[in-house]
Amino acid sequence: MNVLNLFKKYGCKNTLRIALSLMIENLANSMIENFDNEFQKLFTEMTEIAFEYVDNNSNEVDAIYVIGLIESGYFYKSFYQINGILVKSHKVNTVSKMQYDISKDRAFSLLKLGMELLEKTETLFVNDDREVPTMLKLIYYPQTGRFESDFSYDKTFSNSKTKTAQDVYEGWFNEIEKELSIK
C-alpha cells in the first residue's frame, strides 16, 4: 500500500506512523538479511579454503570437516574423509591418489586464513549486537554438495585449566572417526 492510499484511509498522523513503521520493518528485515548473507559468506569461505587445500578434488574427497573456535583467540583446523578414510590435513597424501602440497607454508597459510575468517565472524556478530558463537563445526560433502553446520555458544575449553582448543579438535575428530567405524 502506498503512502497516498494510507493518507486517504487513515489520515495524516496515522499515515506517518504507519509509513515509518513500514520503513523500520523493511530496514530491520534488510539488516537481518544482510547479516545472514555475510555470515553465510564467511562460513562458506571457511569451507572453501579447506577444500582448496585438497585442490578441490571432489573425486576422492568424501567430506571436509572444519572447526572454528572463538574463545580466548581464534582456532581453525580441518580434517578430511578421503576415499572412505578419515585423516588430518597433514596426512591427506597417505590416502589420496592425487598428491597435494602439504608443506608447512601451505598448512600455516590455511590456518592463518581460517583464523582471519573467524575474526571477521566475531566482528560481524559484535557489530550486530549478537552473541558470538564459540564453536562452529562445518561439514561439506563435495560429491553431493551437501553442507551441514553446527554452532555452539558454550565455552569449550577456555574455562578449563587443562583442556585446550586442540583437545576440542581432537575430540571432534575422534567422534567422527567412531561414527564412521559404526557405519
N, C-alpha and C. Protein backbone atom coordinates (compact mmCIF):
# COMPACT_ATOMS: atom_id res chain seq x y z
N MET A 1 0.85 -1.17 0.00
CA MET A 1 0.00 0.00 0.00
C MET A 1 0.90 1.23 0.00
N ASN A 2 0.64 2.19 -0.88
CA ASN A 2 1.50 3.37 -0.91
C ASN A 2 1.02 4.42 0.09
N VAL A 3 1.86 5.44 0.32
CA VAL A 3 1.59 6.46 1.34
C VAL A 3 0.32 7.24 1.03
N LEU A 4 0.06 7.56 -0.23
CA LEU A 4 -1.14 8.32 -0.60
C LEU A 4 -2.41 7.56 -0.21
N ASN A 5 -2.45 6.28 -0.48
CA ASN A 5 -3.60 5.47 -0.09
C ASN A 5 -3.75 5.39 1.42
N LEU A 6 -2.62 5.30 2.13
CA LEU A 6 -2.67 5.28 3.60
C LEU A 6 -3.23 6.60 4.13
N PHE A 7 -2.79 7.71 3.52
CA PHE A 7 -3.26 9.03 3.94
C PHE A 7 -4.77 9.13 3.77
N LYS A 8 -5.27 8.69 2.63
CA LYS A 8 -6.72 8.74 2.36
C LYS A 8 -7.48 7.88 3.36
N LYS A 9 -6.92 6.73 3.69
CA LYS A 9 -7.63 5.77 4.55
C LYS A 9 -7.55 6.14 6.03
N TYR A 10 -6.37 6.58 6.52
CA TYR A 10 -6.17 6.75 7.96
C TYR A 10 -5.93 8.19 8.42
N GLY A 11 -5.75 9.12 7.53
CA GLY A 11 -5.46 10.50 7.92
C GLY A 11 -3.97 10.72 8.05
N CYS A 12 -3.56 11.95 8.28
CA CYS A 12 -2.16 12.36 8.23
C CYS A 12 -1.30 11.73 9.33
N LYS A 13 -1.72 11.87 10.61
CA LYS A 13 -0.88 11.36 11.71
C LYS A 13 -0.68 9.86 11.63
N ASN A 14 -1.77 9.14 11.44
CA ASN A 14 -1.68 7.68 11.38
C ASN A 14 -0.89 7.22 10.16
N THR A 15 -1.03 7.92 9.06
CA THR A 15 -0.29 7.57 7.85
C THR A 15 1.20 7.67 8.09
N LEU A 16 1.63 8.74 8.75
CA LEU A 16 3.04 8.91 9.04
C LEU A 16 3.55 7.79 9.95
N ARG A 17 2.78 7.46 10.97
CA ARG A 17 3.17 6.37 11.88
C ARG A 17 3.29 5.04 11.13
N ILE A 18 2.29 4.77 10.31
CA ILE A 18 2.29 3.51 9.55
C ILE A 18 3.45 3.48 8.57
N ALA A 19 3.67 4.58 7.86
CA ALA A 19 4.77 4.65 6.88
C ALA A 19 6.11 4.46 7.57
N LEU A 20 6.30 5.14 8.71
CA LEU A 20 7.56 4.98 9.46
C LEU A 20 7.71 3.55 9.97
N SER A 21 6.63 3.00 10.45
CA SER A 21 6.66 1.62 10.93
C SER A 21 7.06 0.65 9.81
N LEU A 22 6.48 0.86 8.63
CA LEU A 22 6.82 0.01 7.48
C LEU A 22 8.27 0.20 7.06
N MET A 23 8.74 1.45 7.10
CA MET A 23 10.14 1.71 6.75
C MET A 23 11.09 1.03 7.73
N ILE A 24 10.78 1.12 9.02
CA ILE A 24 11.62 0.49 10.05
C ILE A 24 11.61 -1.02 9.88
N GLU A 25 10.43 -1.58 9.62
CA GLU A 25 10.33 -3.03 9.41
C GLU A 25 11.15 -3.46 8.20
N ASN A 26 11.05 -2.71 7.10
CA ASN A 26 11.83 -3.03 5.90
C ASN A 26 13.33 -2.92 6.16
N LEU A 27 13.72 -1.89 6.90
CA LEU A 27 15.13 -1.70 7.25
C LEU A 27 15.62 -2.85 8.12
N ALA A 28 14.83 -3.22 9.12
CA ALA A 28 15.21 -4.33 10.01
C ALA A 28 15.35 -5.63 9.22
N ASN A 29 14.39 -5.89 8.33
CA ASN A 29 14.47 -7.10 7.51
C ASN A 29 15.70 -7.08 6.62
N SER A 30 16.01 -5.92 6.08
CA SER A 30 17.20 -5.77 5.24
C SER A 30 18.47 -6.01 6.04
N MET A 31 18.52 -5.49 7.28
CA MET A 31 19.70 -5.68 8.13
C MET A 31 19.88 -7.15 8.50
N ILE A 32 18.77 -7.82 8.82
CA ILE A 32 18.83 -9.24 9.16
C ILE A 32 19.31 -10.04 7.94
N GLU A 33 18.74 -9.71 6.78
CA GLU A 33 19.14 -10.40 5.55
C GLU A 33 20.61 -10.15 5.25
N ASN A 34 21.08 -8.93 5.45
CA ASN A 34 22.48 -8.60 5.22
C ASN A 34 23.38 -9.38 6.17
N PHE A 35 23.01 -9.44 7.46
CA PHE A 35 23.78 -10.21 8.44
C PHE A 35 23.86 -11.67 8.02
N ASP A 36 22.70 -12.25 7.69
CA ASP A 36 22.65 -13.66 7.30
C ASP A 36 23.52 -13.92 6.06
N ASN A 37 23.45 -13.03 5.09
CA ASN A 37 24.26 -13.19 3.87
C ASN A 37 25.75 -13.11 4.18
N GLU A 38 26.14 -12.16 5.02
CA GLU A 38 27.56 -12.01 5.37
C GLU A 38 28.06 -13.21 6.16
N PHE A 39 27.24 -13.70 7.10
CA PHE A 39 27.64 -14.87 7.88
C PHE A 39 27.77 -16.09 6.98
N GLN A 40 26.83 -16.26 6.07
CA GLN A 40 26.89 -17.39 5.15
C GLN A 40 28.16 -17.31 4.29
N LYS A 41 28.50 -16.11 3.82
CA LYS A 41 29.73 -15.94 3.04
C LYS A 41 30.95 -16.37 3.84
N LEU A 42 31.00 -15.98 5.11
CA LEU A 42 32.16 -16.30 5.94
C LEU A 42 32.31 -17.80 6.16
N PHE A 43 31.22 -18.48 6.53
CA PHE A 43 31.41 -19.91 6.78
C PHE A 43 31.57 -20.70 5.49
N THR A 44 31.06 -20.16 4.39
CA THR A 44 31.34 -20.78 3.08
C THR A 44 32.82 -20.65 2.76
N GLU A 45 33.39 -19.47 2.99
CA GLU A 45 34.82 -19.27 2.76
C GLU A 45 35.67 -20.19 3.63
N MET A 46 35.25 -20.39 4.89
CA MET A 46 35.99 -21.29 5.78
C MET A 46 36.05 -22.70 5.19
N THR A 47 34.97 -23.11 4.59
CA THR A 47 34.92 -24.44 3.98
C THR A 47 35.69 -24.45 2.67
N GLU A 48 35.55 -23.41 1.88
CA GLU A 48 36.23 -23.34 0.58
C GLU A 48 37.75 -23.41 0.72
N ILE A 49 38.30 -22.70 1.71
CA ILE A 49 39.77 -22.73 1.84
C ILE A 49 40.26 -24.12 2.25
N ALA A 50 39.45 -24.84 3.02
CA ALA A 50 39.81 -26.21 3.38
C ALA A 50 39.72 -27.13 2.15
N PHE A 51 38.74 -26.88 1.29
CA PHE A 51 38.59 -27.67 0.07
C PHE A 51 39.73 -27.35 -0.90
N GLU A 52 40.11 -26.10 -0.97
CA GLU A 52 41.24 -25.72 -1.83
C GLU A 52 42.54 -26.39 -1.39
N TYR A 53 42.67 -26.67 -0.10
CA TYR A 53 43.86 -27.33 0.42
C TYR A 53 44.05 -28.70 -0.23
N VAL A 54 42.94 -29.35 -0.59
CA VAL A 54 42.99 -30.64 -1.29
C VAL A 54 42.63 -30.44 -2.77
N ASP A 55 43.00 -29.29 -3.27
CA ASP A 55 42.86 -28.95 -4.70
C ASP A 55 41.46 -29.19 -5.26
N ASN A 56 40.44 -28.95 -4.43
CA ASN A 56 39.04 -29.10 -4.86
C ASN A 56 38.78 -30.47 -5.49
N ASN A 57 39.41 -31.49 -4.96
CA ASN A 57 39.33 -32.84 -5.51
C ASN A 57 38.03 -33.52 -5.08
N SER A 58 36.97 -33.29 -5.82
CA SER A 58 35.68 -33.88 -5.45
C SER A 58 35.57 -35.35 -5.86
N ASN A 59 36.53 -35.84 -6.62
CA ASN A 59 36.50 -37.27 -6.98
C ASN A 59 36.87 -38.17 -5.81
N GLU A 60 37.83 -37.75 -5.00
CA GLU A 60 38.29 -38.59 -3.89
C GLU A 60 37.85 -38.09 -2.52
N VAL A 61 37.61 -36.80 -2.39
CA VAL A 61 37.26 -36.24 -1.09
C VAL A 61 35.78 -36.47 -0.82
N ASP A 62 35.51 -37.27 0.21
CA ASP A 62 34.14 -37.59 0.58
C ASP A 62 33.54 -36.49 1.46
N ALA A 63 34.36 -35.95 2.38
CA ALA A 63 33.86 -34.94 3.31
C ALA A 63 35.01 -34.07 3.80
N ILE A 64 34.66 -32.83 4.07
CA ILE A 64 35.60 -31.87 4.64
C ILE A 64 35.00 -31.41 5.96
N TYR A 65 35.77 -31.51 7.02
CA TYR A 65 35.33 -31.11 8.35
C TYR A 65 36.15 -29.90 8.78
N VAL A 66 35.46 -28.85 9.16
CA VAL A 66 36.13 -27.62 9.59
C VAL A 66 35.61 -27.27 10.98
N ILE A 67 36.54 -26.97 11.87
CA ILE A 67 36.16 -26.49 13.20
C ILE A 67 36.77 -25.12 13.42
N GLY A 68 35.97 -24.23 13.95
CA GLY A 68 36.43 -22.90 14.31
C GLY A 68 36.03 -22.61 15.74
N LEU A 69 36.99 -22.16 16.53
CA LEU A 69 36.73 -21.82 17.93
C LEU A 69 37.04 -20.34 18.14
N ILE A 70 36.12 -19.65 18.79
CA ILE A 70 36.30 -18.24 19.11
C ILE A 70 36.10 -18.11 20.62
N GLU A 71 37.19 -18.17 21.34
CA GLU A 71 37.11 -18.02 22.80
C GLU A 71 38.20 -17.07 23.26
N SER A 72 39.33 -17.61 23.60
CA SER A 72 40.45 -16.76 24.01
C SER A 72 41.40 -16.66 22.81
N GLY A 73 40.89 -16.10 21.74
CA GLY A 73 41.61 -16.06 20.47
C GLY A 73 40.84 -16.88 19.45
N TYR A 74 41.54 -17.28 18.39
CA TYR A 74 40.90 -17.98 17.29
C TYR A 74 41.64 -19.28 17.00
N PHE A 75 40.87 -20.32 16.71
CA PHE A 75 41.44 -21.63 16.40
C PHE A 75 40.66 -22.17 15.20
N TYR A 76 41.37 -22.51 14.14
CA TYR A 76 40.76 -23.03 12.92
C TYR A 76 41.56 -24.26 12.49
N LYS A 77 40.87 -25.33 12.22
CA LYS A 77 41.52 -26.54 11.70
C LYS A 77 40.53 -27.34 10.87
N SER A 78 41.08 -28.18 10.01
CA SER A 78 40.23 -29.03 9.18
C SER A 78 40.78 -30.46 9.18
N PHE A 79 39.89 -31.38 8.86
CA PHE A 79 40.29 -32.76 8.58
C PHE A 79 39.36 -33.28 7.50
N TYR A 80 39.69 -34.44 6.95
CA TYR A 80 39.05 -34.89 5.71
C TYR A 80 38.70 -36.37 5.77
N GLN A 81 37.68 -36.72 5.01
CA GLN A 81 37.42 -38.12 4.69
C GLN A 81 37.72 -38.24 3.20
N ILE A 82 38.77 -39.02 2.90
CA ILE A 82 39.21 -39.20 1.52
C ILE A 82 39.22 -40.69 1.22
N ASN A 83 38.53 -41.07 0.16
CA ASN A 83 38.42 -42.48 -0.23
C ASN A 83 37.98 -43.33 0.95
N GLY A 84 37.04 -42.79 1.74
CA GLY A 84 36.46 -43.53 2.86
C GLY A 84 37.29 -43.52 4.13
N ILE A 85 38.44 -42.86 4.13
CA ILE A 85 39.33 -42.88 5.30
C ILE A 85 39.43 -41.48 5.88
N LEU A 86 39.24 -41.38 7.20
CA LEU A 86 39.32 -40.10 7.89
C LEU A 86 40.78 -39.77 8.20
N VAL A 87 41.23 -38.58 7.79
CA VAL A 87 42.62 -38.17 8.02
C VAL A 87 42.70 -36.69 8.37
N LYS A 88 43.73 -36.35 9.12
CA LYS A 88 44.02 -34.95 9.42
C LYS A 88 44.74 -34.36 8.22
N SER A 89 44.79 -33.05 8.17
CA SER A 89 45.29 -32.36 6.98
C SER A 89 46.73 -32.75 6.61
N HIS A 90 47.56 -33.04 7.60
CA HIS A 90 48.95 -33.38 7.28
C HIS A 90 49.11 -34.82 6.77
N LYS A 91 48.01 -35.59 6.74
CA LYS A 91 48.06 -36.99 6.30
C LYS A 91 47.28 -37.23 5.00
N VAL A 92 46.79 -36.17 4.35
CA VAL A 92 45.93 -36.37 3.18
C VAL A 92 46.63 -37.13 2.05
N ASN A 93 47.94 -36.96 1.92
CA ASN A 93 48.65 -37.64 0.83
C ASN A 93 48.80 -39.14 1.06
N THR A 94 48.56 -39.61 2.29
CA THR A 94 48.68 -41.04 2.56
C THR A 94 47.47 -41.84 2.08
N VAL A 95 46.36 -41.16 1.79
CA VAL A 95 45.14 -41.87 1.39
C VAL A 95 44.59 -41.45 0.03
N SER A 96 45.23 -40.48 -0.59
CA SER A 96 44.73 -39.97 -1.86
C SER A 96 45.65 -40.35 -3.01
N LYS A 97 45.05 -40.71 -4.14
CA LYS A 97 45.85 -40.96 -5.34
C LYS A 97 46.49 -39.65 -5.81
N MET A 98 45.71 -38.59 -5.73
CA MET A 98 46.22 -37.27 -6.07
C MET A 98 47.10 -36.78 -4.90
N GLN A 99 48.20 -36.16 -5.20
CA GLN A 99 49.09 -35.66 -4.16
C GLN A 99 48.98 -34.14 -4.06
N TYR A 100 48.98 -33.65 -2.84
CA TYR A 100 48.74 -32.24 -2.57
C TYR A 100 49.99 -31.59 -1.98
N ASP A 101 50.05 -30.28 -2.11
CA ASP A 101 51.10 -29.50 -1.46
C ASP A 101 50.69 -29.34 0.00
N ILE A 102 51.31 -30.12 0.87
CA ILE A 102 51.00 -30.04 2.30
C ILE A 102 52.20 -29.48 3.07
N SER A 103 52.95 -28.63 2.38
CA SER A 103 54.12 -28.01 3.01
C SER A 103 53.69 -27.19 4.23
N LYS A 104 54.66 -26.91 5.09
CA LYS A 104 54.37 -26.11 6.29
C LYS A 104 53.82 -24.74 5.90
N ASP A 105 54.39 -24.14 4.85
CA ASP A 105 53.92 -22.83 4.41
C ASP A 105 52.45 -22.87 4.02
N ARG A 106 52.07 -23.90 3.29
CA ARG A 106 50.68 -24.02 2.84
C ARG A 106 49.75 -24.32 4.03
N ALA A 107 50.22 -25.17 4.92
CA ALA A 107 49.41 -25.50 6.10
C ALA A 107 49.21 -24.27 6.98
N PHE A 108 50.28 -23.51 7.21
CA PHE A 108 50.16 -22.30 8.03
C PHE A 108 49.30 -21.24 7.34
N SER A 109 49.36 -21.19 6.03
CA SER A 109 48.53 -20.25 5.27
C SER A 109 47.05 -20.59 5.46
N LEU A 110 46.72 -21.89 5.42
CA LEU A 110 45.35 -22.33 5.64
C LEU A 110 44.87 -21.92 7.03
N LEU A 111 45.70 -22.17 8.03
CA LEU A 111 45.32 -21.83 9.41
C LEU A 111 45.16 -20.32 9.57
N LYS A 112 46.07 -19.56 8.99
CA LYS A 112 46.02 -18.10 9.09
C LYS A 112 44.75 -17.55 8.44
N LEU A 113 44.44 -18.02 7.23
CA LEU A 113 43.22 -17.58 6.55
C LEU A 113 41.98 -17.94 7.36
N GLY A 114 41.98 -19.15 7.90
CA GLY A 114 40.85 -19.59 8.72
C GLY A 114 40.66 -18.72 9.95
N MET A 115 41.76 -18.38 10.62
CA MET A 115 41.66 -17.54 11.81
C MET A 115 41.21 -16.12 11.45
N GLU A 116 41.64 -15.63 10.29
CA GLU A 116 41.18 -14.31 9.84
C GLU A 116 39.67 -14.32 9.60
N LEU A 117 39.16 -15.40 9.04
CA LEU A 117 37.72 -15.52 8.81
C LEU A 117 36.96 -15.61 10.13
N LEU A 118 37.55 -16.27 11.12
CA LEU A 118 36.92 -16.34 12.44
C LEU A 118 36.88 -14.95 13.09
N GLU A 119 37.94 -14.20 12.92
CA GLU A 119 37.97 -12.84 13.45
C GLU A 119 36.89 -11.98 12.79
N LYS A 120 36.73 -12.12 11.48
CA LYS A 120 35.68 -11.39 10.76
C LYS A 120 34.30 -11.83 11.24
N THR A 121 34.16 -13.12 11.53
CA THR A 121 32.89 -13.64 12.05
C THR A 121 32.57 -13.00 13.39
N GLU A 122 33.55 -12.96 14.27
CA GLU A 122 33.34 -12.33 15.58
C GLU A 122 32.95 -10.86 15.41
N THR A 123 33.64 -10.14 14.55
CA THR A 123 33.34 -8.73 14.30
C THR A 123 31.93 -8.55 13.77
N LEU A 124 31.52 -9.41 12.86
CA LEU A 124 30.16 -9.35 12.31
C LEU A 124 29.13 -9.48 13.42
N PHE A 125 29.31 -10.45 14.30
CA PHE A 125 28.36 -10.67 15.40
C PHE A 125 28.37 -9.49 16.37
N VAL A 126 29.54 -9.03 16.75
CA VAL A 126 29.66 -7.91 17.70
C VAL A 126 29.02 -6.66 17.12
N ASN A 127 29.30 -6.36 15.86
CA ASN A 127 28.74 -5.16 15.23
C ASN A 127 27.23 -5.21 15.09
N ASP A 128 26.67 -6.41 15.10
CA ASP A 128 25.22 -6.57 15.00
C ASP A 128 24.59 -6.83 16.38
N ASP A 129 25.38 -6.63 17.43
CA ASP A 129 24.92 -6.85 18.81
C ASP A 129 24.34 -8.24 19.02
N ARG A 130 25.03 -9.23 18.49
CA ARG A 130 24.59 -10.62 18.65
C ARG A 130 25.64 -11.38 19.47
N GLU A 131 25.18 -12.43 20.13
CA GLU A 131 26.10 -13.28 20.86
C GLU A 131 27.00 -14.01 19.86
N VAL A 132 28.29 -14.00 20.14
CA VAL A 132 29.26 -14.61 19.24
C VAL A 132 29.31 -16.12 19.53
N PRO A 133 29.18 -16.95 18.49
CA PRO A 133 29.33 -18.39 18.73
C PRO A 133 30.76 -18.70 19.15
N THR A 134 30.91 -19.65 20.05
CA THR A 134 32.26 -20.04 20.49
C THR A 134 32.81 -21.17 19.65
N MET A 135 31.91 -21.93 19.01
CA MET A 135 32.35 -23.06 18.20
C MET A 135 31.49 -23.18 16.95
N LEU A 136 32.17 -23.36 15.81
CA LEU A 136 31.50 -23.60 14.55
C LEU A 136 32.04 -24.93 14.01
N LYS A 137 31.14 -25.84 13.73
CA LYS A 137 31.51 -27.10 13.10
C LYS A 137 30.84 -27.13 11.73
N LEU A 138 31.64 -27.25 10.70
CA LEU A 138 31.14 -27.22 9.34
C LEU A 138 31.55 -28.50 8.63
N ILE A 139 30.61 -29.08 7.91
CA ILE A 139 30.90 -30.30 7.14
C ILE A 139 30.39 -30.09 5.72
N TYR A 140 31.27 -30.36 4.78
CA TYR A 140 30.90 -30.23 3.37
C TYR A 140 31.18 -31.55 2.67
N TYR A 141 30.21 -32.01 1.90
CA TYR A 141 30.32 -33.25 1.13
C TYR A 141 30.43 -32.87 -0.35
N PRO A 142 31.64 -32.77 -0.89
CA PRO A 142 31.82 -32.26 -2.26
C PRO A 142 31.13 -33.07 -3.34
N GLN A 143 30.99 -34.37 -3.13
CA GLN A 143 30.41 -35.20 -4.17
C GLN A 143 28.90 -34.98 -4.34
N THR A 144 28.25 -34.50 -3.28
CA THR A 144 26.82 -34.26 -3.34
C THR A 144 26.46 -32.78 -3.22
N GLY A 145 27.41 -31.98 -2.72
CA GLY A 145 27.16 -30.57 -2.49
C GLY A 145 26.43 -30.30 -1.18
N ARG A 146 26.20 -31.35 -0.40
CA ARG A 146 25.51 -31.19 0.88
C ARG A 146 26.41 -30.47 1.88
N PHE A 147 25.80 -29.65 2.72
CA PHE A 147 26.53 -28.87 3.71
C PHE A 147 25.81 -28.96 5.05
N GLU A 148 26.57 -29.16 6.12
CA GLU A 148 26.00 -29.19 7.47
C GLU A 148 26.77 -28.22 8.35
N SER A 149 26.06 -27.63 9.29
CA SER A 149 26.73 -26.73 10.22
C SER A 149 26.12 -26.88 11.61
N ASP A 150 26.97 -26.65 12.59
CA ASP A 150 26.53 -26.71 13.98
C ASP A 150 27.27 -25.61 14.73
N PHE A 151 26.53 -24.78 15.45
CA PHE A 151 27.14 -23.68 16.19
C PHE A 151 26.82 -23.83 17.66
N SER A 152 27.81 -23.49 18.49
CA SER A 152 27.63 -23.56 19.94
C SER A 152 28.04 -22.23 20.55
N TYR A 153 27.40 -21.90 21.65
CA TYR A 153 27.69 -20.65 22.34
C TYR A 153 28.28 -20.90 23.73
N ASP A 154 28.48 -22.16 24.06
CA ASP A 154 29.06 -22.53 25.35
C ASP A 154 30.59 -22.56 25.24
N LYS A 155 31.24 -22.22 26.33
CA LYS A 155 32.70 -22.31 26.36
C LYS A 155 33.10 -23.77 26.19
N THR A 156 34.09 -24.01 25.36
CA THR A 156 34.50 -25.39 25.09
C THR A 156 35.83 -25.75 25.76
N PHE A 157 36.67 -24.74 26.01
CA PHE A 157 37.97 -25.03 26.63
C PHE A 157 38.51 -23.91 27.50
N SER A 158 38.13 -22.68 27.25
CA SER A 158 38.76 -21.56 27.95
C SER A 158 38.42 -21.49 29.44
N ASN A 159 37.40 -22.20 29.86
CA ASN A 159 37.07 -22.23 31.28
C ASN A 159 37.68 -23.44 31.98
N SER A 160 38.55 -24.17 31.29
CA SER A 160 39.20 -25.35 31.85
C SER A 160 40.68 -25.05 32.09
N LYS A 161 41.21 -25.64 33.13
CA LYS A 161 42.64 -25.45 33.42
C LYS A 161 43.51 -26.36 32.56
N THR A 162 42.93 -27.44 32.04
CA THR A 162 43.74 -28.41 31.30
C THR A 162 43.34 -28.57 29.83
N LYS A 163 42.09 -28.33 29.50
CA LYS A 163 41.61 -28.55 28.14
C LYS A 163 42.05 -27.41 27.22
N THR A 164 42.45 -27.77 26.00
CA THR A 164 42.90 -26.77 25.02
C THR A 164 42.01 -26.82 23.78
N ALA A 165 42.20 -25.85 22.90
CA ALA A 165 41.48 -25.84 21.63
C ALA A 165 41.82 -27.09 20.83
N GLN A 166 43.07 -27.50 20.87
CA GLN A 166 43.50 -28.72 20.18
C GLN A 166 42.73 -29.94 20.71
N ASP A 167 42.47 -29.97 22.01
CA ASP A 167 41.70 -31.08 22.61
C ASP A 167 40.28 -31.12 22.04
N VAL A 168 39.68 -29.95 21.83
CA VAL A 168 38.33 -29.89 21.26
C VAL A 168 38.35 -30.44 19.84
N TYR A 169 39.35 -30.03 19.06
CA TYR A 169 39.52 -30.53 17.70
C TYR A 169 39.70 -32.06 17.70
N GLU A 170 40.61 -32.54 18.54
CA GLU A 170 40.86 -34.00 18.64
C GLU A 170 39.59 -34.74 19.04
N GLY A 171 38.83 -34.16 19.95
CA GLY A 171 37.58 -34.79 20.39
C GLY A 171 36.59 -34.95 19.25
N TRP A 172 36.47 -33.90 18.42
CA TRP A 172 35.54 -33.99 17.29
C TRP A 172 36.05 -34.99 16.25
N PHE A 173 37.35 -34.99 16.00
CA PHE A 173 37.94 -35.95 15.08
C PHE A 173 37.63 -37.37 15.55
N ASN A 174 37.86 -37.65 16.83
CA ASN A 174 37.61 -38.99 17.38
C ASN A 174 36.12 -39.36 17.32
N GLU A 175 35.26 -38.38 17.55
CA GLU A 175 33.81 -38.61 17.47
C GLU A 175 33.40 -39.01 16.05
N ILE A 176 33.90 -38.30 15.06
CA ILE A 176 33.59 -38.61 13.65
C ILE A 176 34.18 -39.97 13.28
N GLU A 177 35.40 -40.22 13.73
CA GLU A 177 36.06 -41.49 13.45
C GLU A 177 35.23 -42.66 13.99
N LYS A 178 34.71 -42.49 15.18
CA LYS A 178 33.86 -43.52 15.81
C LYS A 178 32.56 -43.69 15.02
N GLU A 179 31.93 -42.58 14.63
CA GLU A 179 30.69 -42.65 13.83
C GLU A 179 30.91 -43.38 12.51
N LEU A 180 32.03 -43.10 11.86
CA LEU A 180 32.32 -43.73 10.57
C LEU A 180 32.63 -45.22 10.72
N SER A 181 33.21 -45.62 11.84
CA SER A 181 33.54 -47.03 12.03
C SER A 181 32.29 -47.87 12.30
N ILE A 182 31.23 -47.22 12.79
CA ILE A 182 29.97 -47.91 13.05
C ILE A 182 29.21 -48.17 11.76
N LYS A 183 29.36 -47.27 10.79
CA LYS A 183 28.63 -47.40 9.52
C LYS A 183 29.09 -48.56 8.70
